[in-house]
Amino acid sequence: MDLFLIGEVLCEGDILTIVSAIKYVFTLIQWAIPLVLIVLGTVDMFKAMASGDEKATKEAQKKFARRLIYAVVAFLIPFIISLVFTFVGNMINNDAAGSASETYNNFFGCWSEA
């Protein structure tokens, strides 16, 4: 199938199933990565505090702060990607390119339906 013909594909059946699965994986990643990073950071903090070593505690605090930042970024990446696609879609829809606009609308219509 030619990639430029994706606008003509209807969002039903197998395609809807695939898009739903991709959307589910994105949601899982959006929640799992921050959760794992926060749990690992908490475990590191408890280990450092239990050891009683001042240097290990400060090191664990820095590591935990970095992991919190990574968790926030990992959580926001899907939102940022969606925002970029919305801006691109608005630019495409404002141009006179009919087929590009139709392709964009069909794809995100399918994404929203999934």
PDB file of N, CA and C in Angstrom:
ATOM      1  N   MET A   1       0.848  -1.170   0.000  1.00  0.00           N
ATOM      2  CA  MET A   1       0.000   0.000   0.000  1.00  0.00           C
ATOM      3  C   MET A   1       0.899   1.241   0.000  1.00  0.00           C
ATOM      4  N   ASP A   2       0.541   2.186  -0.808  1.00  0.00           N
ATOM      5  CA  ASP A   2       1.284   3.437  -0.891  1.00  0.00           C
ATOM      6  C   ASP A   2       0.950   4.291   0.327  1.00  0.00           C
ATOM      7  N   LEU A   3       1.966   4.868   0.934  1.00  0.00           N
ATOM      8  CA  LEU A   3       1.738   5.666   2.136  1.00  0.00           C
ATOM      9  C   LEU A   3       0.899   6.902   1.867  1.00  0.00           C
ATOM     10  N   PHE A   4       0.921   7.384   0.656  1.00  0.00           N
ATOM     11  CA  PHE A   4       0.151   8.578   0.343  1.00  0.00           C
ATOM     12  C   PHE A   4      -1.338   8.281   0.211  1.00  0.00           C
ATOM     13  N   LEU A   5      -1.700   7.026   0.143  1.00  0.00           N
ATOM     14  CA  LEU A   5      -3.106   6.657   0.024  1.00  0.00           C
ATOM     15  C   LEU A   5      -3.747   6.385   1.381  1.00  0.00           C
ATOM     16  N   ILE A   6      -3.041   6.644   2.455  1.00  0.00           N
ATOM     17  CA  ILE A   6      -3.568   6.360   3.786  1.00  0.00           C
ATOM     18  C   ILE A   6      -4.844   7.158   4.076  1.00  0.00           C
ATOM     19  N   GLY A   7      -4.997   8.291   3.427  1.00  0.00           N
ATOM     20  CA  GLY A   7      -6.196   9.093   3.626  1.00  0.00           C
ATOM     21  C   GLY A   7      -7.436   8.430   3.099  1.00  0.00           C
ATOM     22  N   GLU A   8      -7.283   7.491   2.180  1.00  0.00           N
ATOM     23  CA  GLU A   8      -8.425   6.801   1.601  1.00  0.00           C
ATOM     24  C   GLU A   8      -8.829   5.566   2.390  1.00  0.00           C
ATOM     25  N   VAL A   9      -8.021   5.152   3.363  1.00  0.00           N
ATOM     26  CA  VAL A   9      -8.298   3.963   4.158  1.00  0.00           C
ATOM     27  C   VAL A   9      -9.323   4.306   5.230  1.00  0.00           C
ATOM     28  N   LEU A  10     -10.322   3.462   5.343  1.00  0.00           N
ATOM     29  CA  LEU A  10     -11.347   3.683   6.355  1.00  0.00           C
ATOM     30  C   LEU A  10     -10.873   3.143   7.697  1.00  0.00           C
ATOM     31  N   CYS A  11     -11.279   3.795   8.744  1.00  0.00           N
ATOM     32  CA  CYS A  11     -10.883   3.393  10.084  1.00  0.00           C
ATOM     33  C   CYS A  11     -11.905   2.405  10.627  1.00  0.00           C
ATOM     34  N   GLU A  12     -11.720   1.145  10.278  1.00  0.00           N
ATOM     35  CA  GLU A  12     -12.613   0.113  10.767  1.00  0.00           C
ATOM     36  C   GLU A  12     -11.892  -1.223  10.723  1.00  0.00           C
ATOM     37  N   GLY A  13     -12.380  -2.172  11.450  1.00  0.00           N
ATOM     38  CA  GLY A  13     -11.817  -3.516  11.434  1.00  0.00           C
ATOM     39  C   GLY A  13     -10.413  -3.584  11.986  1.00  0.00           C
ATOM     40  N   ASP A  14      -9.522  -4.164  11.183  1.00  0.00           N
ATOM     41  CA  ASP A  14      -8.138  -4.393  11.608  1.00  0.00           C
ATOM     42  C   ASP A  14      -7.393  -3.090  11.875  1.00  0.00           C
ATOM     43  N   ILE A  15      -7.633  -2.095  11.066  1.00  0.00           N
ATOM     44  CA  ILE A  15      -6.935  -0.820  11.244  1.00  0.00           C
ATOM     45  C   ILE A  15      -7.329  -0.189  12.568  1.00  0.00           C
ATOM     46  N   LEU A  16      -8.593  -0.231  12.894  1.00  0.00           N
ATOM     47  CA  LEU A  16      -9.055   0.311  14.175  1.00  0.00           C
ATOM     48  C   LEU A  16      -8.453  -0.473  15.340  1.00  0.00           C
ATOM     49  N   THR A  17      -8.326  -1.794  15.178  1.00  0.00           N
ATOM     50  CA  THR A  17      -7.716  -2.628  16.215  1.00  0.00           C
ATOM     51  C   THR A  17      -6.252  -2.268  16.415  1.00  0.00           C
ATOM     52  N   ILE A  18      -5.521  -2.064  15.330  1.00  0.00           N
ATOM     53  CA  ILE A  18      -4.105  -1.708  15.403  1.00  0.00           C
ATOM     54  C   ILE A  18      -3.923  -0.341  16.048  1.00  0.00           C
ATOM     55  N   VAL A  19      -4.721   0.623  15.631  1.00  0.00           N
ATOM     56  CA  VAL A  19      -4.629   1.971  16.200  1.00  0.00           C
ATOM     57  C   VAL A  19      -4.981   1.940  17.681  1.00  0.00           C
ATOM     58  N   SER A  20      -5.974   1.141  18.060  1.00  0.00           N
ATOM     59  CA  SER A  20      -6.343   1.011  19.478  1.00  0.00           C
ATOM     60  C   SER A  20      -5.198   0.402  20.283  1.00  0.00           C
ATOM     61  N   ALA A  21      -4.533  -0.595  19.714  1.00  0.00           N
ATOM     62  CA  ALA A  21      -3.408  -1.229  20.409  1.00  0.00           C
ATOM     63  C   ALA A  21      -2.254  -0.245  20.582  1.00  0.00           C
ATOM     64  N   ILE A  22      -1.966   0.531  19.550  1.00  0.00           N
ATOM     65  CA  ILE A  22      -0.896   1.531  19.634  1.00  0.00           C
ATOM     66  C   ILE A  22      -1.232   2.580  20.682  1.00  0.00           C
ATOM     67  N   LYS A  23      -2.469   3.009  20.703  1.00  0.00           N
ATOM     68  CA  LYS A  23      -2.901   4.004  21.683  1.00  0.00           C
ATOM     69  C   LYS A  23      -2.801   3.441  23.105  1.00  0.00           C
ATOM     70  N   TYR A  24      -3.140   2.169  23.275  1.00  0.00           N
ATOM     71  CA  TYR A  24      -3.037   1.518  24.578  1.00  0.00           C
ATOM     72  C   TYR A  24      -1.584   1.432  25.032  1.00  0.00           C
ATOM     73  N   VAL A  25      -0.683   1.077  24.121  1.00  0.00           N
ATOM     74  CA  VAL A  25       0.743   0.988  24.459  1.00  0.00           C
ATOM     75  C   VAL A  25       1.280   2.355  24.857  1.00  0.00           C
ATOM     76  N   PHE A  26       0.904   3.404  24.136  1.00  0.00           N
ATOM     77  CA  PHE A  26       1.343   4.758  24.495  1.00  0.00           C
ATOM     78  C   PHE A  26       0.863   5.135  25.895  1.00  0.00           C
ATOM     79  N   THR A  27      -0.369   4.822  26.213  1.00  0.00           N
ATOM     80  CA  THR A  27      -0.908   5.136  27.536  1.00  0.00           C
ATOM     81  C   THR A  27      -0.182   4.339  28.611  1.00  0.00           C
ATOM     82  N   LEU A  28       0.081   3.070  28.331  1.00  0.00           N
ATOM     83  CA  LEU A  28       0.807   2.234  29.282  1.00  0.00           C
ATOM     84  C   LEU A  28       2.204   2.790  29.536  1.00  0.00           C
ATOM     85  N   ILE A  29       2.896   3.174  28.475  1.00  0.00           N
ATOM     86  CA  ILE A  29       4.232   3.750  28.611  1.00  0.00           C
ATOM     87  C   ILE A  29       4.168   5.062  29.385  1.00  0.00           C
ATOM     88  N   GLN A  30       3.162   5.870  29.087  1.00  0.00           N
ATOM     89  CA  GLN A  30       3.031   7.171  29.747  1.00  0.00           C
ATOM     90  C   GLN A  30       2.895   7.018  31.255  1.00  0.00           C
ATOM     91  N   TRP A  31       2.263   5.970  31.724  1.00  0.00           N
ATOM     92  CA  TRP A  31       2.066   5.789  33.157  1.00  0.00           C
ATOM     93  C   TRP A  31       3.115   4.882  33.785  1.00  0.00           C
ATOM     94  N   ALA A  32       3.588   3.871  33.063  1.00  0.00           N
ATOM     95  CA  ALA A  32       4.510   2.885  33.643  1.00  0.00           C
ATOM     96  C   ALA A  32       5.904   3.460  33.876  1.00  0.00           C
ATOM     97  N   ILE A  33       6.443   4.182  32.917  1.00  0.00           N
ATOM     98  CA  ILE A  33       7.811   4.702  33.053  1.00  0.00           C
ATOM     99  C   ILE A  33       7.927   5.638  34.260  1.00  0.00           C
ATOM    100  N   PRO A  34       7.066   6.633  34.410  1.00  0.00           N
ATOM    101  CA  PRO A  34       7.186   7.480  35.611  1.00  0.00           C
ATOM    102  C   PRO A  34       7.009   6.695  36.915  1.00  0.00           C
ATOM    103  N   LEU A  35       6.079   5.752  36.918  1.00  0.00           N
ATOM    104  CA  LEU A  35       5.856   4.965  38.127  1.00  0.00           C
ATOM    105  C   LEU A  35       7.103   4.164  38.496  1.00  0.00           C
ATOM    106  N   VAL A  36       7.715   3.513  37.518  1.00  0.00           N
ATOM    107  CA  VAL A  36       8.925   2.731  37.772  1.00  0.00           C
ATOM    108  C   VAL A  36      10.063   3.633  38.243  1.00  0.00           C
ATOM    109  N   LEU A  37      10.229   4.791  37.604  1.00  0.00           N
ATOM    110  CA  LEU A  37      11.300   5.703  38.006  1.00  0.00           C
ATOM    111  C   LEU A  37      11.116   6.209  39.434  1.00  0.00           C
ATOM    112  N   ILE A  38       9.900   6.520  39.804  1.00  0.00           N
ATOM    113  CA  ILE A  38       9.637   7.005  41.157  1.00  0.00           C
ATOM    114  C   ILE A  38       9.857   5.889  42.178  1.00  0.00           C
ATOM    115  N   VAL A  39       9.418   4.678  41.877  1.00  0.00           N
ATOM    116  CA  VAL A  39       9.621   3.559  42.799  1.00  0.00           C
ATOM    117  C   VAL A  39      11.113   3.274  42.968  1.00  0.00           C
ATOM    118  N   LEU A  40      11.861   3.255  41.851  1.00  0.00           N
ATOM    119  CA  LEU A  40      13.303   3.009  41.951  1.00  0.00           C
ATOM    120  C   LEU A  40      14.004   4.112  42.752  1.00  0.00           C
ATOM    121  N   GLY A  41      13.601   5.350  42.539  1.00  0.00           N
ATOM    122  CA  GLY A  41      14.183   6.454  43.294  1.00  0.00           C
ATOM    123  C   GLY A  41      13.880   6.344  44.777  1.00  0.00           C
ATOM    124  N   THR A  42      12.667   5.941  45.107  1.00  0.00           N
ATOM    125  CA  THR A  42      12.287   5.778  46.503  1.00  0.00           C
ATOM    126  C   THR A  42      13.086   4.655  47.165  1.00  0.00           C
ATOM    127  N   VAL A  43      13.260   3.547  46.444  1.00  0.00           N
ATOM    128  CA  VAL A  43      14.054   2.432  46.972  1.00  0.00           C
ATOM    129  C   VAL A  43      15.490   2.878  47.218  1.00  0.00           C
ATOM    130  N   ASP A  44      16.068   3.614  46.268  1.00  0.00           N
ATOM    131  CA  ASP A  44      17.435   4.117  46.444  1.00  0.00           C
ATOM    132  C   ASP A  44      17.540   5.040  47.660  1.00  0.00           C
ATOM    133  N   MET A  45      16.539   5.892  47.845  1.00  0.00           N
ATOM    134  CA  MET A  45      16.548   6.805  48.988  1.00  0.00           C
ATOM    135  C   MET A  45      16.491   6.032  50.308  1.00  0.00           C
ATOM    136  N   PHE A  46      15.620   5.024  50.383  1.00  0.00           N
ATOM    137  CA  PHE A  46      15.517   4.232  51.602  1.00  0.00           C
ATOM    138  C   PHE A  46      16.821   3.490  51.895  1.00  0.00           C
ATOM    139  N   LYS A  47      17.448   2.947  50.846  1.00  0.00           N
ATOM    140  CA  LYS A  47      18.726   2.252  51.037  1.00  0.00           C
ATOM    141  C   LYS A  47      19.789   3.207  51.584  1.00  0.00           C
ATOM    142  N   ALA A  48      19.857   4.395  50.991  1.00  0.00           N
ATOM    143  CA  ALA A  48      20.862   5.369  51.427  1.00  0.00           C
ATOM    144  C   ALA A  48      20.595   5.834  52.847  1.00  0.00           C
ATOM    145  N   MET A  49      19.331   6.050  53.174  1.00  0.00           N
ATOM    146  CA  MET A  49      19.003   6.502  54.527  1.00  0.00           C
ATOM    147  C   MET A  49      19.251   5.398  55.546  1.00  0.00           C
ATOM    148  N   ALA A  50      19.005   4.156  55.145  1.00  0.00           N
ATOM    149  CA  ALA A  50      19.229   3.034  56.058  1.00  0.00           C
ATOM    150  C   ALA A  50      20.711   2.807  56.320  1.00  0.00           C
ATOM    151  N   SER A  51      21.530   3.141  55.346  1.00  0.00           N
ATOM    152  CA  SER A  51      22.973   2.946  55.528  1.00  0.00           C
ATOM    153  C   SER A  51      23.549   3.967  56.505  1.00  0.00           C
ATOM    154  N   GLY A  52      22.918   5.098  56.627  1.00  0.00           N
ATOM    155  CA  GLY A  52      23.368   6.123  57.557  1.00  0.00           C
ATOM    156  C   GLY A  52      24.533   6.947  57.043  1.00  0.00           C
ATOM    157  N   ASP A  53      24.961   6.694  55.832  1.00  0.00           N
ATOM    158  CA  ASP A  53      26.080   7.418  55.236  1.00  0.00           C
ATOM    159  C   ASP A  53      25.576   8.737  54.654  1.00  0.00           C
ATOM    160  N   GLU A  54      26.145   9.834  55.117  1.00  0.00           N
ATOM    161  CA  GLU A  54      25.730  11.172  54.656  1.00  0.00           C
ATOM    162  C   GLU A  54      25.996  11.348  53.163  1.00  0.00           C
ATOM    163  N   LYS A  55      27.135  10.881  52.706  1.00  0.00           N
ATOM    164  CA  LYS A  55      27.498  11.022  51.292  1.00  0.00           C
ATOM    165  C   LYS A  55      26.553  10.206  50.403  1.00  0.00           C
ATOM    166  N   ALA A  56      26.221   8.999  50.836  1.00  0.00           N
ATOM    167  CA  ALA A  56      25.306   8.148  50.063  1.00  0.00           C
ATOM    168  C   ALA A  56      23.913   8.763  50.005  1.00  0.00           C
ATOM    169  N   THR A  57      23.502   9.406  51.088  1.00  0.00           N
ATOM    170  CA  THR A  57      22.186  10.049  51.121  1.00  0.00           C
ATOM    171  C   THR A  57      22.121  11.221  50.151  1.00  0.00           C
ATOM    172  N   LYS A  58      23.168  12.042  50.144  1.00  0.00           N
ATOM    173  CA  LYS A  58      23.193  13.178  49.209  1.00  0.00           C
ATOM    174  C   LYS A  58      23.220  12.680  47.763  1.00  0.00           C
ATOM    175  N   GLU A  59      23.998  11.633  47.521  1.00  0.00           N
ATOM    176  CA  GLU A  59      24.056  11.045  46.174  1.00  0.00           C
ATOM    177  C   GLU A  59      22.680  10.509  45.755  1.00  0.00           C
ATOM    178  N   ALA A  60      21.997   9.843  46.676  1.00  0.00           N
ATOM    179  CA  ALA A  60      20.662   9.299  46.396  1.00  0.00           C
ATOM    180  C   ALA A  60      19.656  10.417  46.154  1.00  0.00           C
ATOM    181  N   GLN A  61      19.799  11.543  46.865  1.00  0.00           N
ATOM    182  CA  GLN A  61      18.899  12.676  46.651  1.00  0.00           C
ATOM    183  C   GLN A  61      19.056  13.231  45.246  1.00  0.00           C
ATOM    184  N   LYS A  62      20.301  13.369  44.797  1.00  0.00           N
ATOM    185  CA  LYS A  62      20.542  13.870  43.442  1.00  0.00           C
ATOM    186  C   LYS A  62      19.977  12.908  42.401  1.00  0.00           C
ATOM    187  N   LYS A  63      20.198  11.618  42.634  1.00  0.00           N
ATOM    188  CA  LYS A  63      19.698  10.605  41.709  1.00  0.00           C
ATOM    189  C   LYS A  63      18.166  10.615  41.671  1.00  0.00           C
ATOM    190  N   PHE A  64      17.558  10.761  42.851  1.00  0.00           N
ATOM    191  CA  PHE A  64      16.100  10.795  42.939  1.00  0.00           C
ATOM    192  C   PHE A  64      15.538  12.025  42.227  1.00  0.00           C
ATOM    193  N   ALA A  65      16.188  13.170  42.374  1.00  0.00           N
ATOM    194  CA  ALA A  65      15.736  14.396  41.700  1.00  0.00           C
ATOM    195  C   ALA A  65      15.804  14.222  40.185  1.00  0.00           C
ATOM    196  N   ARG A  66      16.885  13.622  39.693  1.00  0.00           N
ATOM    197  CA  ARG A  66      16.991  13.369  38.245  1.00  0.00           C
ATOM    198  C   ARG A  66      15.899  12.428  37.772  1.00  0.00           C
ATOM    199  N   ARG A  67      15.630  11.393  38.560  1.00  0.00           N
ATOM    200  CA  ARG A  67      14.585  10.440  38.174  1.00  0.00           C
ATOM    201  C   ARG A  67      13.208  11.092  38.179  1.00  0.00           C
ATOM    202  N   LEU A  68      12.964  11.991  39.104  1.00  0.00           N
ATOM    203  CA  LEU A  68      11.683  12.710  39.099  1.00  0.00           C
ATOM    204  C   LEU A  68      11.536  13.568  37.849  1.00  0.00           C
ATOM    205  N   ILE A  69      12.613  14.222  37.447  1.00  0.00           N
ATOM    206  CA  ILE A  69      12.580  15.032  36.228  1.00  0.00           C
ATOM    207  C   ILE A  69      12.321  14.139  35.021  1.00  0.00           C
ATOM    208  N   TYR A  70      13.013  12.997  34.946  1.00  0.00           N
ATOM    209  CA  TYR A  70      12.800  12.059  33.837  1.00  0.00           C
ATOM    210  C   TYR A  70      11.366  11.545  33.832  1.00  0.00           C
ATOM    211  N   ALA A  71      10.800  11.310  35.020  1.00  0.00           N
ATOM    212  CA  ALA A  71       9.428  10.814  35.109  1.00  0.00           C
ATOM    213  C   ALA A  71       8.436  11.850  34.576  1.00  0.00           C
ATOM    214  N   VAL A  72       8.652  13.105  34.934  1.00  0.00           N
ATOM    215  CA  VAL A  72       7.761  14.169  34.436  1.00  0.00           C
ATOM    216  C   VAL A  72       7.881  14.285  32.918  1.00  0.00           C
ATOM    217  N   VAL A  73       9.096  14.239  32.416  1.00  0.00           N
ATOM    218  CA  VAL A  73       9.298  14.325  30.960  1.00  0.00           C
ATOM    219  C   VAL A  73       8.643  13.135  30.259  1.00  0.00           C
ATOM    220  N   ALA A  74       8.834  11.929  30.800  1.00  0.00           N
ATOM    221  CA  ALA A  74       8.230  10.736  30.192  1.00  0.00           C
ATOM    222  C   ALA A  74       6.707  10.822  30.210  1.00  0.00           C
ATOM    223  N   PHE A  75       6.153  11.391  31.261  1.00  0.00           N
ATOM    224  CA  PHE A  75       4.703  11.541  31.341  1.00  0.00           C
ATOM    225  C   PHE A  75       4.189  12.562  30.333  1.00  0.00           C
ATOM    226  N   LEU A  76       4.960  13.620  30.079  1.00  0.00           N
ATOM    227  CA  LEU A  76       4.509  14.702  29.206  1.00  0.00           C
ATOM    228  C   LEU A  76       4.798  14.464  27.723  1.00  0.00           C
ATOM    229  N   ILE A  77       5.646  13.507  27.377  1.00  0.00           N
ATOM    230  CA  ILE A  77       6.004  13.290  25.970  1.00  0.00           C
ATOM    231  C   ILE A  77       4.777  13.038  25.088  1.00  0.00           C
ATOM    232  N   PRO A  78       3.840  12.145  25.455  1.00  0.00           N
ATOM    233  CA  PRO A  78       2.658  11.974  24.594  1.00  0.00           C
ATOM    234  C   PRO A  78       1.866  13.273  24.402  1.00  0.00           C
ATOM    235  N   PHE A  79       1.762  14.080  25.466  1.00  0.00           N
ATOM    236  CA  PHE A  79       1.063  15.364  25.360  1.00  0.00           C
ATOM    237  C   PHE A  79       1.789  16.290  24.396  1.00  0.00           C
ATOM    238  N   ILE A  80       3.113  16.344  24.491  1.00  0.00           N
ATOM    239  CA  ILE A  80       3.910  17.204  23.608  1.00  0.00           C
ATOM    240  C   ILE A  80       3.774  16.752  22.160  1.00  0.00           C
ATOM    241  N   ILE A  81       3.818  15.443  21.922  1.00  0.00           N
ATOM    242  CA  ILE A  81       3.660  14.922  20.561  1.00  0.00           C
ATOM    243  C   ILE A  81       2.278  15.269  20.025  1.00  0.00           C
ATOM    244  N   SER A  82       1.256  15.120  20.853  1.00  0.00           N
ATOM    245  CA  SER A  82      -0.103  15.473  20.440  1.00  0.00           C
ATOM    246  C   SER A  82      -0.214  16.955  20.108  1.00  0.00           C
ATOM    247  N   LEU A  83       0.432  17.780  20.911  1.00  0.00           N
ATOM    248  CA  LEU A  83       0.427  19.223  20.678  1.00  0.00           C
ATOM    249  C   LEU A  83       1.091  19.560  19.343  1.00  0.00           C
ATOM    250  N   VAL A  84       2.224  18.932  19.062  1.00  0.00           N
ATOM    251  CA  VAL A  84       2.929  19.171  17.798  1.00  0.00           C
ATOM    252  C   VAL A  84       2.061  18.750  16.623  1.00  0.00           C
ATOM    253  N   PHE A  85       1.431  17.575  16.731  1.00  0.00           N
ATOM    254  CA  PHE A  85       0.569  17.123  15.637  1.00  0.00           C
ATOM    255  C   PHE A  85      -0.634  18.042  15.451  1.00  0.00           C
ATOM    256  N   THR A  86      -1.137  18.597  16.533  1.00  0.00           N
ATOM    257  CA  THR A  86      -2.257  19.540  16.416  1.00  0.00           C
ATOM    258  C   THR A  86      -1.822  20.793  15.666  1.00  0.00           C
ATOM    259  N   PHE A  87      -0.642  21.312  15.994  1.00  0.00           N
ATOM    260  CA  PHE A  87      -0.136  22.487  15.273  1.00  0.00           C
ATOM    261  C   PHE A  87       0.100  22.169  13.793  1.00  0.00           C
ATOM    262  N   VAL A  88       0.678  21.006  13.522  1.00  0.00           N
ATOM    263  CA  VAL A  88       0.915  20.603  12.131  1.00  0.00           C
ATOM    264  C   VAL A  88      -0.410  20.454  11.403  1.00  0.00           C
ATOM    265  N   GLY A  89      -1.381  19.851  12.082  1.00  0.00           N
ATOM    266  CA  GLY A  89      -2.704  19.681  11.472  1.00  0.00           C
ATOM    267  C   GLY A  89      -3.372  21.000  11.171  1.00  0.00           C
ATOM    268  N   ASN A  90      -3.239  21.953  12.067  1.00  0.00           N
ATOM    269  CA  ASN A  90      -3.816  23.275  11.819  1.00  0.00           C
ATOM    270  C   ASN A  90      -3.141  23.948  10.629  1.00  0.00           C
ATOM    271  N   MET A  91      -1.821  23.782  10.501  1.00  0.00           N
ATOM    272  CA  MET A  91      -1.114  24.360   9.356  1.00  0.00           C
ATOM    273  C   MET A  91      -1.549  23.681   8.069  1.00  0.00           C
ATOM    274  N   ILE A  92      -1.718  22.350   8.110  1.00  0.00           N
ATOM    275  CA  ILE A  92      -2.151  21.617   6.914  1.00  0.00           C
ATOM    276  C   ILE A  92      -3.567  22.026   6.537  1.00  0.00           C
ATOM    277  N   ASN A  93      -4.449  22.122   7.534  1.00  0.00           N
ATOM    278  CA  ASN A  93      -5.838  22.484   7.250  1.00  0.00           C
ATOM    279  C   ASN A  93      -5.967  23.920   6.743  1.00  0.00           C
ATOM    280  N   ASN A  94      -5.058  24.799   7.153  1.00  0.00           N
ATOM    281  CA  ASN A  94      -5.106  26.182   6.697  1.00  0.00           C
ATOM    282  C   ASN A  94      -4.563  26.340   5.281  1.00  0.00           C
ATOM    283  N   ASP A  95      -3.718  25.405   4.845  1.00  0.00           N
ATOM    284  CA  ASP A  95      -3.214  25.447   3.479  1.00  0.00           C
ATOM    285  C   ASP A  95      -4.286  24.942   2.522  1.00  0.00           C
ATOM    286  N   ALA A  96      -4.001  25.087   1.267  1.00  0.00           N
ATOM    287  CA  ALA A  96      -4.964  24.664   0.243  1.00  0.00           C
ATOM    288  C   ALA A  96      -4.745  23.216  -0.174  1.00  0.00           C
ATOM    289  N   ALA A  97      -3.924  22.462   0.534  1.00  0.00           N
ATOM    290  CA  ALA A  97      -3.629  21.077   0.158  1.00  0.00           C
ATOM    291  C   ALA A  97      -4.780  20.191   0.604  1.00  0.00           C
ATOM    292  N   GLY A  98      -5.658  19.877  -0.286  1.00  0.00           N
ATOM    293  CA  GLY A  98      -6.854  19.106   0.033  1.00  0.00           C
ATOM    294  C   GLY A  98      -6.553  17.687   0.456  1.00  0.00           C
ATOM    295  N   SER A  99      -5.665  16.975  -0.254  1.00  0.00           N
ATOM    296  CA  SER A  99      -5.400  15.581   0.069  1.00  0.00           C
ATOM    297  C   SER A  99      -4.639  15.457   1.384  1.00  0.00           C
ATOM    298  N   ALA A 100      -3.715  16.377   1.658  1.00  0.00           N
ATOM    299  CA  ALA A 100      -2.974  16.337   2.915  1.00  0.00           C
ATOM    300  C   ALA A 100      -3.918  16.600   4.080  1.00  0.00           C
ATOM    301  N   SER A 101      -4.814  17.539   3.914  1.00  0.00           N
ATOM    302  CA  SER A 101      -5.780  17.854   4.958  1.00  0.00           C
ATOM    303  C   SER A 101      -6.701  16.665   5.209  1.00  0.00           C
ATOM    304  N   GLU A 102      -7.140  16.016   4.142  1.00  0.00           N
ATOM    305  CA  GLU A 102      -8.022  14.855   4.272  1.00  0.00           C
ATOM    306  C   GLU A 102      -7.308  13.698   4.962  1.00  0.00           C
ATOM    307  N   THR A 103      -6.053  13.470   4.603  1.00  0.00           N
ATOM    308  CA  THR A 103      -5.270  12.412   5.233  1.00  0.00           C
ATOM    309  C   THR A 103      -5.111  12.677   6.716  1.00  0.00           C
ATOM    310  N   TYR A 104      -4.769  13.898   7.075  1.00  0.00           N
ATOM    311  CA  TYR A 104      -4.597  14.264   8.475  1.00  0.00           C
ATOM    312  C   TYR A 104      -5.901  14.063   9.241  1.00  0.00           C
ATOM    313  N   ASN A 105      -6.998  14.535   8.696  1.00  0.00           N
ATOM    314  CA  ASN A 105      -8.288  14.417   9.373  1.00  0.00           C
ATOM    315  C   ASN A 105      -8.709  12.961   9.521  1.00  0.00           C
ATOM    316  N   ASN A 106      -8.455  12.131   8.495  1.00  0.00           N
ATOM    317  CA  ASN A 106      -8.796  10.713   8.587  1.00  0.00           C
ATOM    318  C   ASN A 106      -7.963  10.006   9.654  1.00  0.00           C
ATOM    319  N   PHE A 107      -6.661  10.316   9.692  1.00  0.00           N
ATOM    320  CA  PHE A 107      -5.794   9.673  10.674  1.00  0.00           C
ATOM    321  C   PHE A 107      -6.202  10.036  12.094  1.00  0.00           C
ATOM    322  N   PHE A 108      -6.390  11.315  12.374  1.00  0.00           N
ATOM    323  CA  PHE A 108      -6.721  11.715  13.737  1.00  0.00           C
ATOM    324  C   PHE A 108      -8.167  11.425  14.085  1.00  0.00           C
ATOM    325  N   GLY A 109      -9.016  11.301  13.086  1.00  0.00           N
ATOM    326  CA  GLY A 109     -10.365  10.820  13.354  1.00  0.00           C
ATOM    327  C   GLY A 109     -10.325   9.381  13.826  1.00  0.00           C
ATOM    328  N   CYS A 110      -9.483   8.596  13.173  1.00  0.00           N
ATOM    329  CA  CYS A 110      -9.289   7.197  13.567  1.00  0.00           C
ATOM    330  C   CYS A 110      -8.649   7.110  14.942  1.00  0.00           C
ATOM    331  N   TRP A 111      -7.664   7.942  15.217  1.00  0.00           N
ATOM    332  CA  TRP A 111      -6.997   7.975  16.528  1.00  0.00           C
ATOM    333  C   TRP A 111      -7.992   8.314  17.624  1.00  0.00           C
ATOM    334  N   SER A 112      -8.869   9.282  17.371  1.00  0.00           N
ATOM    335  CA  SER A 112      -9.842   9.684  18.382  1.00  0.00           C
ATOM    336  C   SER A 112     -10.889   8.597  18.595  1.00  0.00           C
ATOM    337  N   GLU A 113     -11.236   7.879  17.520  1.00  0.00           N
ATOM    338  CA  GLU A 113     -12.244   6.833  17.610  1.00  0.00           C
ATOM    339  C   GLU A 113     -11.734   5.615  18.367  1.00  0.00           C
ATOM    340  N   ALA A 114     -10.420   5.389  18.321  1.00  0.00           N
ATOM    341  CA  ALA A 114      -9.835   4.181  18.935  1.00  0.00           C
ATOM    342  C   ALA A 114      -9.946   4.184  20.435  1.00  0.00           C
TER     343      ALA A 114
END
